[in-house]
């Protein structure tokens, strides 16, 4: 029975596109070389950003902000390690953070390595390892 539940949970993760690396305890990020040096990127190579208006362990980017700056969401059962943590969002979801700062994408970046959000309104910065 226990094995069946584990298989069902794994199947649900695959069906929803959740990252297997999250199940293994890794944040779904990688290092990427850009014109600004090495930055954190999502599993597709898209640059990740931090928001200066966030607080350590708390996101302050919701609604219109979150549409332009999609949070890097964690899948069910994600386990944090190596400087990465999970932030509780007010909608009940969990978002990845690095050194306490929530991580986001930017809708105007079009290809891996783009860093067009860096410095936006003086509150957005690329996330650096």
N, C-alpha and C. Protein backbone atom coordinates (compact mmCIF):
# COMPACT_ATOMS: atom_id res chain seq x y z
N UNK A 1 0.82 -1.19 0.00
CA UNK A 1 0.00 0.00 0.00
C UNK A 1 0.87 1.26 0.00
N UNK A 2 1.93 1.25 0.83
CA UNK A 2 2.82 2.40 0.92
C UNK A 2 3.48 2.67 -0.44
N UNK A 3 3.89 1.60 -1.11
CA UNK A 3 4.52 1.72 -2.42
C UNK A 3 3.54 2.30 -3.43
N UNK A 4 2.28 1.88 -3.36
CA UNK A 4 1.25 2.37 -4.26
C UNK A 4 1.06 3.88 -4.09
N UNK A 5 1.02 4.35 -2.84
CA UNK A 5 0.85 5.77 -2.56
C UNK A 5 2.04 6.56 -3.11
N UNK A 6 3.25 6.05 -2.93
CA UNK A 6 4.45 6.72 -3.45
C UNK A 6 4.40 6.79 -4.96
N UNK A 7 4.01 5.71 -5.61
CA UNK A 7 3.92 5.70 -7.07
C UNK A 7 2.85 6.67 -7.54
N UNK A 8 1.72 6.74 -6.86
CA UNK A 8 0.66 7.68 -7.22
C UNK A 8 1.14 9.12 -7.07
N UNK A 9 1.86 9.42 -6.00
CA UNK A 9 2.37 10.77 -5.77
C UNK A 9 3.36 11.15 -6.86
N UNK A 10 4.25 10.23 -7.23
CA UNK A 10 5.21 10.48 -8.28
C UNK A 10 4.50 10.70 -9.61
N UNK A 11 3.48 9.90 -9.88
CA UNK A 11 2.70 10.06 -11.10
C UNK A 11 2.02 11.41 -11.16
N UNK A 12 1.48 11.87 -10.04
CA UNK A 12 0.84 13.18 -9.98
C UNK A 12 1.84 14.29 -10.25
N UNK A 13 3.05 14.15 -9.71
CA UNK A 13 4.08 15.16 -9.96
C UNK A 13 4.43 15.22 -11.44
N UNK A 14 4.58 14.07 -12.07
CA UNK A 14 4.92 14.04 -13.48
C UNK A 14 3.79 14.62 -14.32
N UNK A 15 2.55 14.33 -13.94
CA UNK A 15 1.40 14.81 -14.69
C UNK A 15 1.26 16.33 -14.60
N UNK A 16 1.67 16.92 -13.50
CA UNK A 16 1.56 18.37 -13.34
C UNK A 16 2.84 19.09 -13.74
N UNK A 17 3.84 18.38 -14.16
CA UNK A 17 5.08 19.00 -14.60
C UNK A 17 6.01 19.40 -13.48
N UNK A 18 5.78 18.91 -12.28
CA UNK A 18 6.66 19.25 -11.17
C UNK A 18 8.03 18.65 -11.40
N UNK A 19 9.02 19.30 -10.87
CA UNK A 19 10.39 18.88 -11.08
C UNK A 19 10.76 17.70 -10.19
N UNK A 20 11.35 16.68 -10.79
CA UNK A 20 11.85 15.57 -9.99
C UNK A 20 13.00 16.01 -9.12
N UNK A 21 13.74 17.04 -9.57
CA UNK A 21 14.85 17.50 -8.75
C UNK A 21 14.35 18.08 -7.44
N UNK A 22 13.15 18.64 -7.43
CA UNK A 22 12.59 19.16 -6.17
C UNK A 22 12.34 18.01 -5.21
N UNK A 23 11.89 16.87 -5.72
CA UNK A 23 11.65 15.71 -4.87
C UNK A 23 12.96 15.23 -4.25
N UNK A 24 14.03 15.37 -4.98
CA UNK A 24 15.33 14.92 -4.50
C UNK A 24 16.00 15.92 -3.57
N UNK A 25 15.38 17.07 -3.35
CA UNK A 25 15.93 18.05 -2.43
C UNK A 25 16.70 19.17 -3.10
N UNK A 26 16.69 19.25 -4.41
CA UNK A 26 17.41 20.29 -5.12
C UNK A 26 16.44 21.35 -5.62
N UNK A 27 16.81 22.61 -5.51
CA UNK A 27 16.03 23.67 -6.14
C UNK A 27 16.19 23.50 -7.65
N UNK A 28 15.14 23.73 -8.43
CA UNK A 28 15.22 23.53 -9.88
C UNK A 28 15.92 24.70 -10.58
N UNK A 29 17.17 24.92 -10.22
CA UNK A 29 17.93 26.02 -10.80
C UNK A 29 19.28 25.51 -11.30
N UNK A 30 19.90 26.35 -12.12
CA UNK A 30 21.23 26.05 -12.61
C UNK A 30 21.98 27.37 -12.75
N UNK A 31 23.27 27.27 -12.88
CA UNK A 31 24.09 28.45 -13.12
C UNK A 31 24.06 28.75 -14.61
N UNK A 32 24.04 30.03 -14.93
CA UNK A 32 24.00 30.46 -16.33
C UNK A 32 24.96 31.63 -16.52
N UNK A 33 25.70 31.61 -17.60
CA UNK A 33 26.62 32.71 -17.92
C UNK A 33 25.87 33.77 -18.72
N UNK A 34 25.96 35.02 -18.28
CA UNK A 34 25.28 36.14 -18.94
C UNK A 34 26.25 37.29 -19.10
N UNK A 35 25.79 38.36 -19.70
CA UNK A 35 26.61 39.57 -19.83
C UNK A 35 26.93 40.19 -18.47
N UNK A 36 26.18 39.79 -17.43
CA UNK A 36 26.43 40.28 -16.06
C UNK A 36 27.20 39.26 -15.23
N UNK A 37 27.71 38.23 -15.86
CA UNK A 37 28.43 37.18 -15.15
C UNK A 37 27.53 35.99 -14.86
N UNK A 38 27.92 35.17 -13.91
CA UNK A 38 27.16 33.97 -13.56
C UNK A 38 25.96 34.34 -12.72
N UNK A 39 24.79 33.83 -13.12
CA UNK A 39 23.54 34.08 -12.40
C UNK A 39 22.81 32.76 -12.21
N UNK A 40 21.81 32.76 -11.35
CA UNK A 40 20.92 31.62 -11.23
C UNK A 40 19.89 31.70 -12.34
N UNK A 41 19.56 30.55 -12.90
CA UNK A 41 18.54 30.45 -13.95
C UNK A 41 17.63 29.28 -13.63
N UNK A 42 16.42 29.32 -14.19
CA UNK A 42 15.50 28.21 -13.99
C UNK A 42 15.91 27.02 -14.86
N UNK A 43 15.16 25.95 -14.82
CA UNK A 43 15.53 24.73 -15.55
C UNK A 43 15.54 24.91 -17.07
N UNK A 44 14.99 26.03 -17.55
CA UNK A 44 15.00 26.32 -18.99
C UNK A 44 16.12 27.30 -19.36
N UNK A 45 16.92 27.68 -18.36
CA UNK A 45 18.02 28.60 -18.61
C UNK A 45 17.64 30.07 -18.52
N UNK A 46 16.41 30.35 -18.10
CA UNK A 46 15.95 31.74 -17.99
C UNK A 46 16.42 32.34 -16.67
N UNK A 47 16.96 33.55 -16.75
CA UNK A 47 17.52 34.25 -15.59
C UNK A 47 16.49 34.42 -14.48
N UNK A 48 16.96 34.26 -13.25
CA UNK A 48 16.13 34.48 -12.07
C UNK A 48 16.54 35.78 -11.39
N UNK A 49 15.58 36.40 -10.73
CA UNK A 49 15.78 37.72 -10.12
C UNK A 49 15.32 37.73 -8.67
N UNK A 50 15.82 38.74 -7.95
CA UNK A 50 15.33 39.02 -6.59
C UNK A 50 14.74 40.43 -6.60
N UNK A 51 13.84 40.66 -5.64
CA UNK A 51 13.07 41.90 -5.53
C UNK A 51 13.46 42.59 -4.22
N UNK A 52 13.97 43.82 -4.31
CA UNK A 52 14.45 44.52 -3.11
C UNK A 52 13.34 44.80 -2.10
N UNK A 53 12.07 44.80 -2.54
CA UNK A 53 10.96 45.05 -1.63
C UNK A 53 10.52 43.80 -0.87
N UNK A 54 11.13 42.67 -1.18
CA UNK A 54 10.87 41.45 -0.40
C UNK A 54 11.62 41.54 0.91
N UNK A 55 11.19 40.71 1.84
CA UNK A 55 11.88 40.61 3.12
C UNK A 55 12.47 39.21 3.19
N UNK A 56 13.44 39.01 4.06
CA UNK A 56 14.04 37.70 4.22
C UNK A 56 12.95 36.68 4.52
N UNK A 57 12.77 35.74 3.60
CA UNK A 57 11.78 34.68 3.80
C UNK A 57 10.35 35.07 3.50
N UNK A 58 10.13 36.22 2.87
CA UNK A 58 8.76 36.67 2.58
C UNK A 58 8.70 37.39 1.24
N UNK A 59 7.74 36.95 0.40
CA UNK A 59 7.51 37.60 -0.88
C UNK A 59 6.53 38.74 -0.72
N UNK A 60 6.81 39.84 -1.41
CA UNK A 60 5.89 40.97 -1.47
C UNK A 60 5.47 41.25 -2.91
N UNK A 61 5.60 40.25 -3.78
CA UNK A 61 5.25 40.39 -5.19
C UNK A 61 4.04 39.51 -5.48
N UNK A 62 2.88 40.15 -5.65
CA UNK A 62 1.62 39.46 -5.91
C UNK A 62 0.86 40.21 -7.01
N UNK A 63 -0.22 39.61 -7.47
CA UNK A 63 -1.13 40.22 -8.44
C UNK A 63 -0.39 40.67 -9.70
N UNK A 64 -0.45 41.97 -10.07
CA UNK A 64 0.21 42.45 -11.29
C UNK A 64 1.71 42.20 -11.26
N UNK A 65 2.29 42.38 -10.10
CA UNK A 65 3.73 42.14 -9.96
C UNK A 65 4.07 40.70 -10.32
N UNK A 66 3.31 39.75 -9.79
CA UNK A 66 3.59 38.33 -10.03
C UNK A 66 3.29 37.91 -11.47
N UNK A 67 2.48 38.67 -12.18
CA UNK A 67 2.25 38.37 -13.60
C UNK A 67 3.47 38.76 -14.43
N UNK A 68 4.08 39.88 -14.08
CA UNK A 68 5.28 40.33 -14.80
C UNK A 68 6.53 39.61 -14.31
N UNK A 69 6.53 39.24 -13.04
CA UNK A 69 7.68 38.59 -12.39
C UNK A 69 7.19 37.27 -11.79
N UNK A 70 6.99 36.24 -12.61
CA UNK A 70 6.45 34.98 -12.08
C UNK A 70 7.35 34.36 -11.02
N UNK A 71 6.78 34.04 -9.85
CA UNK A 71 7.57 33.40 -8.80
C UNK A 71 8.04 32.02 -9.24
N UNK A 72 9.23 31.63 -8.81
CA UNK A 72 9.74 30.29 -9.07
C UNK A 72 9.10 29.38 -8.02
N UNK A 73 8.04 28.71 -8.42
CA UNK A 73 7.26 27.91 -7.49
C UNK A 73 7.89 26.54 -7.27
N UNK A 74 7.69 26.04 -6.07
CA UNK A 74 8.20 24.73 -5.68
C UNK A 74 7.07 23.72 -5.79
N UNK A 75 7.40 22.52 -6.23
CA UNK A 75 6.42 21.45 -6.31
C UNK A 75 6.18 20.79 -4.96
N UNK A 76 5.15 20.00 -4.92
CA UNK A 76 4.80 19.27 -3.70
C UNK A 76 5.98 18.42 -3.25
N UNK A 77 6.30 18.48 -1.98
CA UNK A 77 7.37 17.66 -1.42
C UNK A 77 8.76 18.22 -1.62
N UNK A 78 8.86 19.45 -2.14
CA UNK A 78 10.18 20.06 -2.35
C UNK A 78 10.94 20.16 -1.03
N UNK A 79 12.22 19.92 -1.10
CA UNK A 79 13.09 19.97 0.08
C UNK A 79 14.21 20.95 -0.19
N UNK A 80 14.39 21.90 0.69
CA UNK A 80 15.40 22.94 0.51
C UNK A 80 16.75 22.50 1.07
N UNK A 81 17.83 22.99 0.45
CA UNK A 81 19.19 22.74 0.93
C UNK A 81 20.16 23.67 0.22
N UNK A 82 21.39 23.71 0.71
CA UNK A 82 22.49 24.44 0.06
C UNK A 82 22.19 25.91 -0.23
N UNK A 83 21.65 26.63 0.75
CA UNK A 83 21.37 28.05 0.57
C UNK A 83 19.99 28.33 0.02
N UNK A 84 19.32 27.29 -0.48
CA UNK A 84 17.97 27.46 -0.99
C UNK A 84 16.97 27.17 0.11
N UNK A 85 15.86 27.89 0.08
CA UNK A 85 14.80 27.69 1.06
C UNK A 85 13.46 27.82 0.36
N UNK A 86 12.41 27.56 1.12
CA UNK A 86 11.05 27.67 0.59
C UNK A 86 10.32 28.77 1.35
N UNK A 87 9.64 29.62 0.61
CA UNK A 87 8.88 30.73 1.17
C UNK A 87 7.40 30.41 1.01
N UNK A 88 6.64 30.60 2.07
CA UNK A 88 5.19 30.41 2.00
C UNK A 88 4.56 31.63 1.35
N UNK A 89 3.80 31.39 0.28
CA UNK A 89 3.06 32.48 -0.36
C UNK A 89 1.66 32.56 0.23
N UNK A 90 1.04 33.71 0.16
CA UNK A 90 -0.26 33.88 0.79
C UNK A 90 -1.36 33.05 0.12
N UNK A 91 -1.12 32.55 -1.11
CA UNK A 91 -2.10 31.68 -1.77
C UNK A 91 -1.94 30.22 -1.36
N UNK A 92 -1.01 29.96 -0.45
CA UNK A 92 -0.77 28.60 0.03
C UNK A 92 0.34 27.88 -0.70
N UNK A 93 0.83 28.43 -1.81
CA UNK A 93 1.92 27.81 -2.55
C UNK A 93 3.26 28.08 -1.88
N UNK A 94 4.27 27.40 -2.40
CA UNK A 94 5.64 27.59 -1.89
C UNK A 94 6.51 28.07 -3.04
N UNK A 95 7.37 29.02 -2.72
CA UNK A 95 8.25 29.62 -3.71
C UNK A 95 9.70 29.39 -3.28
N UNK A 96 10.55 29.13 -4.27
CA UNK A 96 11.98 28.97 -3.99
C UNK A 96 12.61 30.32 -3.65
N UNK A 97 13.56 30.28 -2.74
CA UNK A 97 14.33 31.46 -2.37
C UNK A 97 15.79 31.05 -2.28
N UNK A 98 16.67 32.02 -2.48
CA UNK A 98 18.10 31.79 -2.31
C UNK A 98 18.60 32.77 -1.25
N UNK A 99 19.23 32.23 -0.22
CA UNK A 99 19.69 33.02 0.92
C UNK A 99 18.55 33.88 1.46
N UNK A 100 17.35 33.30 1.52
CA UNK A 100 16.18 33.95 2.08
C UNK A 100 15.41 34.84 1.12
N UNK A 101 15.97 35.16 -0.04
CA UNK A 101 15.31 36.06 -0.97
C UNK A 101 14.55 35.27 -2.04
N UNK A 102 13.22 35.47 -2.14
CA UNK A 102 12.43 34.77 -3.14
C UNK A 102 12.96 35.00 -4.56
N UNK A 103 12.79 33.98 -5.40
CA UNK A 103 13.28 34.02 -6.78
C UNK A 103 12.12 34.15 -7.78
N UNK A 104 12.38 34.93 -8.84
CA UNK A 104 11.36 35.23 -9.85
C UNK A 104 11.96 35.19 -11.25
N UNK A 105 11.10 34.92 -12.23
CA UNK A 105 11.46 35.10 -13.63
C UNK A 105 11.03 36.51 -14.04
N UNK A 106 11.18 36.82 -15.32
CA UNK A 106 10.79 38.14 -15.86
C UNK A 106 10.22 37.92 -17.24
N UNK A 107 8.97 38.34 -17.47
CA UNK A 107 8.29 38.02 -18.72
C UNK A 107 8.94 38.66 -19.95
N UNK A 108 9.75 39.68 -19.77
CA UNK A 108 10.37 40.33 -20.93
C UNK A 108 11.68 39.68 -21.35
N UNK A 109 12.22 38.77 -20.55
CA UNK A 109 13.36 37.98 -21.01
C UNK A 109 12.82 36.97 -22.01
N UNK A 110 13.42 36.92 -23.18
CA UNK A 110 12.90 36.07 -24.25
C UNK A 110 13.71 34.79 -24.49
N UNK A 111 14.97 34.82 -24.11
CA UNK A 111 15.81 33.63 -24.34
C UNK A 111 16.78 33.46 -23.19
N UNK A 112 17.29 32.22 -23.02
CA UNK A 112 18.27 31.99 -21.96
C UNK A 112 19.42 32.98 -22.06
N UNK A 113 19.83 33.49 -20.91
CA UNK A 113 20.93 34.44 -20.87
C UNK A 113 20.49 35.90 -20.89
N UNK A 114 19.23 36.17 -21.26
CA UNK A 114 18.73 37.54 -21.22
C UNK A 114 18.72 38.02 -19.77
N UNK A 115 19.04 39.28 -19.55
CA UNK A 115 19.06 39.88 -18.21
C UNK A 115 18.36 41.25 -18.25
N UNK A 116 17.29 41.36 -19.04
CA UNK A 116 16.63 42.65 -19.26
C UNK A 116 15.93 43.19 -18.01
N UNK A 117 15.70 42.36 -17.01
CA UNK A 117 15.05 42.83 -15.79
C UNK A 117 16.00 43.42 -14.77
N UNK A 118 17.31 43.22 -14.97
CA UNK A 118 18.27 43.71 -13.98
C UNK A 118 18.23 45.23 -13.90
N UNK A 119 18.02 45.76 -12.69
CA UNK A 119 17.97 47.19 -12.48
C UNK A 119 16.61 47.81 -12.74
N UNK A 120 15.62 47.01 -13.12
CA UNK A 120 14.29 47.55 -13.42
C UNK A 120 13.75 48.29 -12.20
N UNK A 121 13.42 49.56 -12.41
CA UNK A 121 12.90 50.45 -11.36
C UNK A 121 13.77 50.45 -10.10
N UNK A 122 15.03 50.09 -10.26
CA UNK A 122 15.99 50.06 -9.15
C UNK A 122 15.60 49.12 -8.02
N UNK A 123 14.73 48.14 -8.30
CA UNK A 123 14.34 47.20 -7.24
C UNK A 123 14.50 45.73 -7.65
N UNK A 124 14.89 45.47 -8.89
CA UNK A 124 15.07 44.10 -9.34
C UNK A 124 16.53 43.86 -9.70
N UNK A 125 17.06 42.71 -9.28
CA UNK A 125 18.45 42.35 -9.56
C UNK A 125 18.53 40.89 -9.94
N UNK A 126 19.50 40.58 -10.82
CA UNK A 126 19.73 39.17 -11.12
C UNK A 126 20.13 38.46 -9.84
N UNK A 127 19.73 37.20 -9.72
CA UNK A 127 20.10 36.39 -8.56
C UNK A 127 21.44 35.75 -8.86
N UNK A 128 22.42 36.01 -8.02
CA UNK A 128 23.78 35.50 -8.25
C UNK A 128 24.16 34.46 -7.21
N UNK A 129 24.85 33.39 -7.67
CA UNK A 129 25.33 32.38 -6.72
C UNK A 129 26.38 32.95 -5.79
